[in-house]
Amino acid sequence: MNTSRKLWLAVALAAALALGGCFGDDDDDVAAPGASNTVPDSAGASVGAFIAYLLALSPNDETSEPATISDAFAVPPDEDNEPQPLV
């Protein structure tokens, strides 16, 4: 009976240690210094500037917040040139 009790105690201790690491929240959702999720006004200066901004975004970043576009943001239409590919 004493061996069985020690075994249950060891199993309970191992389970507590294993589950103890599951609930820590070390991933602070704090933006890096200088990082912003707001589209800069300079990206709206022209179609080329907007495409350059889009190409500079990281395609593999799935953890950051979506970009915020201000209400006054507008890219002027470029009706004189052919469309530029994004890829």
Protein backbone atom coordinates (compact mmCIF):
# COMPACT_ATOMS: atom_id res chain seq x y z
CA MET A 1 0.00 0.00 0.00
CA ASN A 2 2.87 2.37 0.76
CA THR A 3 4.43 1.80 -2.70
CA SER A 4 1.08 2.42 -4.40
CA ARG A 5 0.65 5.66 -2.48
CA LYS A 6 4.13 6.85 -3.51
CA LEU A 7 3.37 5.95 -7.11
CA TRP A 8 0.13 8.00 -7.09
CA LEU A 9 1.95 10.88 -5.46
CA ALA A 10 4.68 10.74 -8.13
CA VAL A 11 2.09 10.64 -10.93
CA ALA A 12 0.18 13.58 -9.43
CA LEU A 13 3.40 15.58 -9.05
CA ALA A 14 4.45 14.83 -12.64
CA ALA A 15 1.02 15.84 -13.93
CA ALA A 16 1.09 19.07 -11.93
CA LEU A 17 4.54 19.94 -13.27
CA ALA A 18 3.55 19.08 -16.85
CA LEU A 19 0.36 21.16 -16.71
CA GLY A 20 2.04 24.01 -14.84
CA GLY A 21 3.88 25.13 -17.97
CA CYS A 22 0.72 25.25 -20.06
CA PHE A 23 -0.83 28.25 -18.40
CA GLY A 24 2.00 30.79 -18.36
CA ASP A 25 1.48 33.83 -20.62
CA ASP A 26 4.95 35.00 -21.53
CA ASP A 27 3.88 36.22 -24.97
CA ASP A 28 3.16 39.86 -24.35
CA ASP A 29 1.37 41.39 -27.31
CA VAL A 30 3.47 44.52 -27.25
CA ALA A 31 4.55 46.08 -30.51
CA ALA A 32 8.25 46.42 -31.15
CA PRO A 33 9.66 49.93 -30.73
CA GLY A 34 8.95 51.93 -33.85
CA ALA A 35 6.52 49.34 -35.18
CA SER A 36 3.04 50.52 -35.96
CA ASN A 37 -0.01 48.90 -37.42
CA THR A 38 -1.17 52.16 -39.02
CA VAL A 39 -0.66 52.68 -42.74
CA PRO A 40 1.57 55.75 -43.11
CA ASP A 41 0.28 58.77 -45.03
CA SER A 42 3.31 58.54 -47.33
CA ALA A 43 1.89 55.29 -48.74
CA GLY A 44 -1.02 57.29 -50.16
CA ALA A 45 1.14 59.75 -52.10
CA SER A 46 0.90 57.71 -55.30
CA VAL A 47 0.01 54.29 -56.60
CA GLY A 48 3.71 53.39 -56.72
CA ALA A 49 4.19 54.40 -53.07
CA PHE A 50 1.20 52.31 -52.04
CA ILE A 51 2.48 49.26 -53.93
CA ALA A 52 5.93 49.76 -52.36
CA TYR A 53 4.28 49.79 -48.92
CA LEU A 54 2.36 46.59 -49.69
CA LEU A 55 5.49 44.84 -50.94
CA ALA A 56 7.38 45.85 -47.77
CA LEU A 57 4.85 44.06 -45.55
CA SER A 58 5.90 40.67 -44.22
CA PRO A 59 3.81 37.95 -45.88
CA ASN A 60 4.53 35.44 -43.09
CA ASP A 61 3.48 37.63 -40.17
CA GLU A 62 0.26 36.08 -38.90
CA THR A 63 0.54 37.28 -35.31
CA SER A 64 0.32 41.05 -35.62
CA GLU A 65 -2.85 43.10 -35.60
CA PRO A 66 -4.43 44.16 -38.91
CA ALA A 67 -3.26 47.45 -40.39
CA THR A 68 -5.40 50.49 -39.60
CA ILE A 69 -6.21 52.88 -42.42
CA SER A 70 -7.33 56.38 -41.47
CA ASP A 71 -10.57 57.78 -42.87
CA ALA A 72 -8.70 60.45 -44.84
CA PHE A 73 -6.37 57.94 -46.53
CA ALA A 74 -6.81 57.78 -50.29
CA VAL A 75 -4.50 56.70 -53.09
CA PRO A 76 -4.89 58.89 -56.16
CA PRO A 77 -5.93 56.87 -59.21
CA ASP A 78 -3.29 56.19 -61.83
CA GLU A 79 -5.18 56.06 -65.11
CA ASP A 80 -2.20 56.76 -67.35
CA ASN A 81 -0.06 53.66 -66.74
CA GLU A 82 -0.58 49.93 -67.00
CA PRO A 83 -1.39 48.03 -63.77
CA GLN A 84 1.65 46.95 -61.76
CA PRO A 85 1.87 43.35 -60.56
CA LEU A 86 2.07 42.81 -56.80
CA VAL A 87 4.17 39.66 -57.07
